[in-house]
Amino acid sequence: MWNNIGTRMKSLAQIVCWIGIVLAAIGCLAYWFGGKGFFQGLLVLIVGGLSAWIGSWAMYGFGIIVNHYEELEEKKNEPEE
């Protein structure tokens, strides 16, 4: 369960990003078909999509750091020749 946690964090960051982008698109369509305005829907799409994308950077970056740490620990624990 706790193996390759860095890789899982990076995958989760990508999934969360795509879910946020899809939700922004759904919100955009809700504005458009709800008669609330074209530009408001476009704003929801742009701001929501960018927020999901930029928000996932921190989790993805932390996943990279954990991956590098795991690799260093494996190299440290290898027997010397």
C-alpha atoms as a PDB file:
ATOM      1  CA  MET A   1       0.000   0.000   0.000  1.00  0.00           C
ATOM      2  CA  TRP A   2       2.800   2.416   0.784  1.00  0.00           C
ATOM      3  CA  ASN A   3       5.132   1.387  -2.020  1.00  0.00           C
ATOM      4  CA  ASN A   4       5.886   3.952  -4.738  1.00  0.00           C
ATOM      5  CA  ILE A   5       3.941   6.672  -2.937  1.00  0.00           C
ATOM      6  CA  GLY A   6       5.671   9.385  -4.963  1.00  0.00           C
ATOM      7  CA  THR A   7       4.422   7.887  -8.219  1.00  0.00           C
ATOM      8  CA  ARG A   8       0.930   7.580  -6.769  1.00  0.00           C
ATOM      9  CA  MET A   9       0.993  11.216  -5.669  1.00  0.00           C
ATOM     10  CA  LYS A  10       1.969  12.306  -9.159  1.00  0.00           C
ATOM     11  CA  SER A  11      -0.836  10.206 -10.652  1.00  0.00           C
ATOM     12  CA  LEU A  12      -3.323  11.639  -8.161  1.00  0.00           C
ATOM     13  CA  ALA A  13      -2.230  15.178  -9.053  1.00  0.00           C
ATOM     14  CA  GLN A  14      -2.921  14.457 -12.718  1.00  0.00           C
ATOM     15  CA  ILE A  15      -6.323  12.945 -11.926  1.00  0.00           C
ATOM     16  CA  VAL A  16      -7.320  15.898  -9.726  1.00  0.00           C
ATOM     17  CA  CYS A  17      -6.189  18.304 -12.447  1.00  0.00           C
ATOM     18  CA  TRP A  18      -8.308  16.613 -15.113  1.00  0.00           C
ATOM     19  CA  ILE A  19     -11.329  16.412 -12.810  1.00  0.00           C
ATOM     20  CA  GLY A  20     -11.010  20.142 -12.136  1.00  0.00           C
ATOM     21  CA  ILE A  21     -10.781  20.930 -15.845  1.00  0.00           C
ATOM     22  CA  VAL A  22     -13.834  18.783 -16.614  1.00  0.00           C
ATOM     23  CA  LEU A  23     -15.790  20.418 -13.777  1.00  0.00           C
ATOM     24  CA  ALA A  24     -14.833  23.850 -15.120  1.00  0.00           C
ATOM     25  CA  ALA A  25     -16.118  22.827 -18.539  1.00  0.00           C
ATOM     26  CA  ILE A  26     -19.382  21.578 -17.009  1.00  0.00           C
ATOM     27  CA  GLY A  27     -19.724  24.843 -15.087  1.00  0.00           C
ATOM     28  CA  CYS A  28     -19.105  26.765 -18.294  1.00  0.00           C
ATOM     29  CA  LEU A  29     -21.836  24.835 -20.093  1.00  0.00           C
ATOM     30  CA  ALA A  30     -24.194  25.377 -17.152  1.00  0.00           C
ATOM     31  CA  TYR A  31     -23.691  29.136 -17.478  1.00  0.00           C
ATOM     32  CA  TRP A  32     -24.190  29.033 -21.228  1.00  0.00           C
ATOM     33  CA  PHE A  33     -27.310  26.880 -21.227  1.00  0.00           C
ATOM     34  CA  GLY A  34     -28.670  28.466 -18.061  1.00  0.00           C
ATOM     35  CA  GLY A  35     -28.860  31.826 -19.795  1.00  0.00           C
ATOM     36  CA  LYS A  36     -26.436  33.521 -17.398  1.00  0.00           C
ATOM     37  CA  GLY A  37     -24.150  34.809 -20.107  1.00  0.00           C
ATOM     38  CA  PHE A  38     -21.513  33.716 -22.546  1.00  0.00           C
ATOM     39  CA  PHE A  39     -18.630  35.680 -21.037  1.00  0.00           C
ATOM     40  CA  GLN A  40     -19.339  34.542 -17.480  1.00  0.00           C
ATOM     41  CA  GLY A  41     -19.259  30.925 -18.675  1.00  0.00           C
ATOM     42  CA  LEU A  42     -16.037  31.566 -20.543  1.00  0.00           C
ATOM     43  CA  LEU A  43     -14.567  33.116 -17.409  1.00  0.00           C
ATOM     44  CA  VAL A  44     -15.557  30.041 -15.369  1.00  0.00           C
ATOM     45  CA  LEU A  45     -13.897  27.812 -17.966  1.00  0.00           C
ATOM     46  CA  ILE A  46     -10.646  29.781 -18.079  1.00  0.00           C
ATOM     47  CA  VAL A  47     -10.283  30.515 -14.362  1.00  0.00           C
ATOM     48  CA  GLY A  48     -11.462  27.064 -13.274  1.00  0.00           C
ATOM     49  CA  GLY A  49      -9.234  25.217 -15.726  1.00  0.00           C
ATOM     50  CA  LEU A  50      -6.182  27.294 -14.882  1.00  0.00           C
ATOM     51  CA  SER A  51      -6.826  26.937 -11.157  1.00  0.00           C
ATOM     52  CA  ALA A  52      -7.032  23.156 -11.435  1.00  0.00           C
ATOM     53  CA  TRP A  53      -3.874  23.038 -13.535  1.00  0.00           C
ATOM     54  CA  ILE A  54      -1.815  25.381 -11.360  1.00  0.00           C
ATOM     55  CA  GLY A  55      -3.177  23.841  -8.154  1.00  0.00           C
ATOM     56  CA  SER A  56      -1.939  20.409  -9.169  1.00  0.00           C
ATOM     57  CA  TRP A  57       1.654  21.625  -9.521  1.00  0.00           C
ATOM     58  CA  ALA A  58       2.333  21.524  -5.772  1.00  0.00           C
ATOM     59  CA  MET A  59       1.141  17.939  -5.354  1.00  0.00           C
ATOM     60  CA  TYR A  60       2.981  16.793  -8.475  1.00  0.00           C
ATOM     61  CA  GLY A  61       6.178  18.526  -7.346  1.00  0.00           C
ATOM     62  CA  PHE A  62       5.929  16.946  -3.914  1.00  0.00           C
ATOM     63  CA  GLY A  63       5.500  13.561  -5.603  1.00  0.00           C
ATOM     64  CA  ILE A  64       8.726  14.161  -7.523  1.00  0.00           C
ATOM     65  CA  ILE A  65      10.534  15.040  -4.293  1.00  0.00           C
ATOM     66  CA  VAL A  66       9.261  11.855  -2.619  1.00  0.00           C
ATOM     67  CA  ASN A  67      10.368   9.793  -5.640  1.00  0.00           C
ATOM     68  CA  HIS A  68      13.874  11.223  -5.455  1.00  0.00           C
ATOM     69  CA  TYR A  69      14.023  10.619  -1.716  1.00  0.00           C
ATOM     70  CA  GLU A  70      12.938   6.989  -2.189  1.00  0.00           C
ATOM     71  CA  GLU A  71      15.655   6.490  -4.831  1.00  0.00           C
ATOM     72  CA  LEU A  72      18.286   7.970  -2.509  1.00  0.00           C
ATOM     73  CA  GLU A  73      17.182   5.698   0.341  1.00  0.00           C
ATOM     74  CA  GLU A  74      17.400   2.639  -1.926  1.00  0.00           C
ATOM     75  CA  LYS A  75      20.909   3.608  -3.052  1.00  0.00           C
ATOM     76  CA  LYS A  76      21.971   4.243   0.533  1.00  0.00           C
ATOM     77  CA  ASN A  77      20.764   0.828   1.664  1.00  0.00           C
ATOM     78  CA  GLU A  78      22.453  -1.094  -1.162  1.00  0.00           C
ATOM     79  CA  PRO A  79      25.470  -3.104  -0.074  1.00  0.00           C
ATOM     80  CA  GLU A  80      28.803  -1.669  -1.120  1.00  0.00           C
ATOM     81  CA  GLU A  81      30.924  -3.663  -3.525  1.00  0.00           C
END
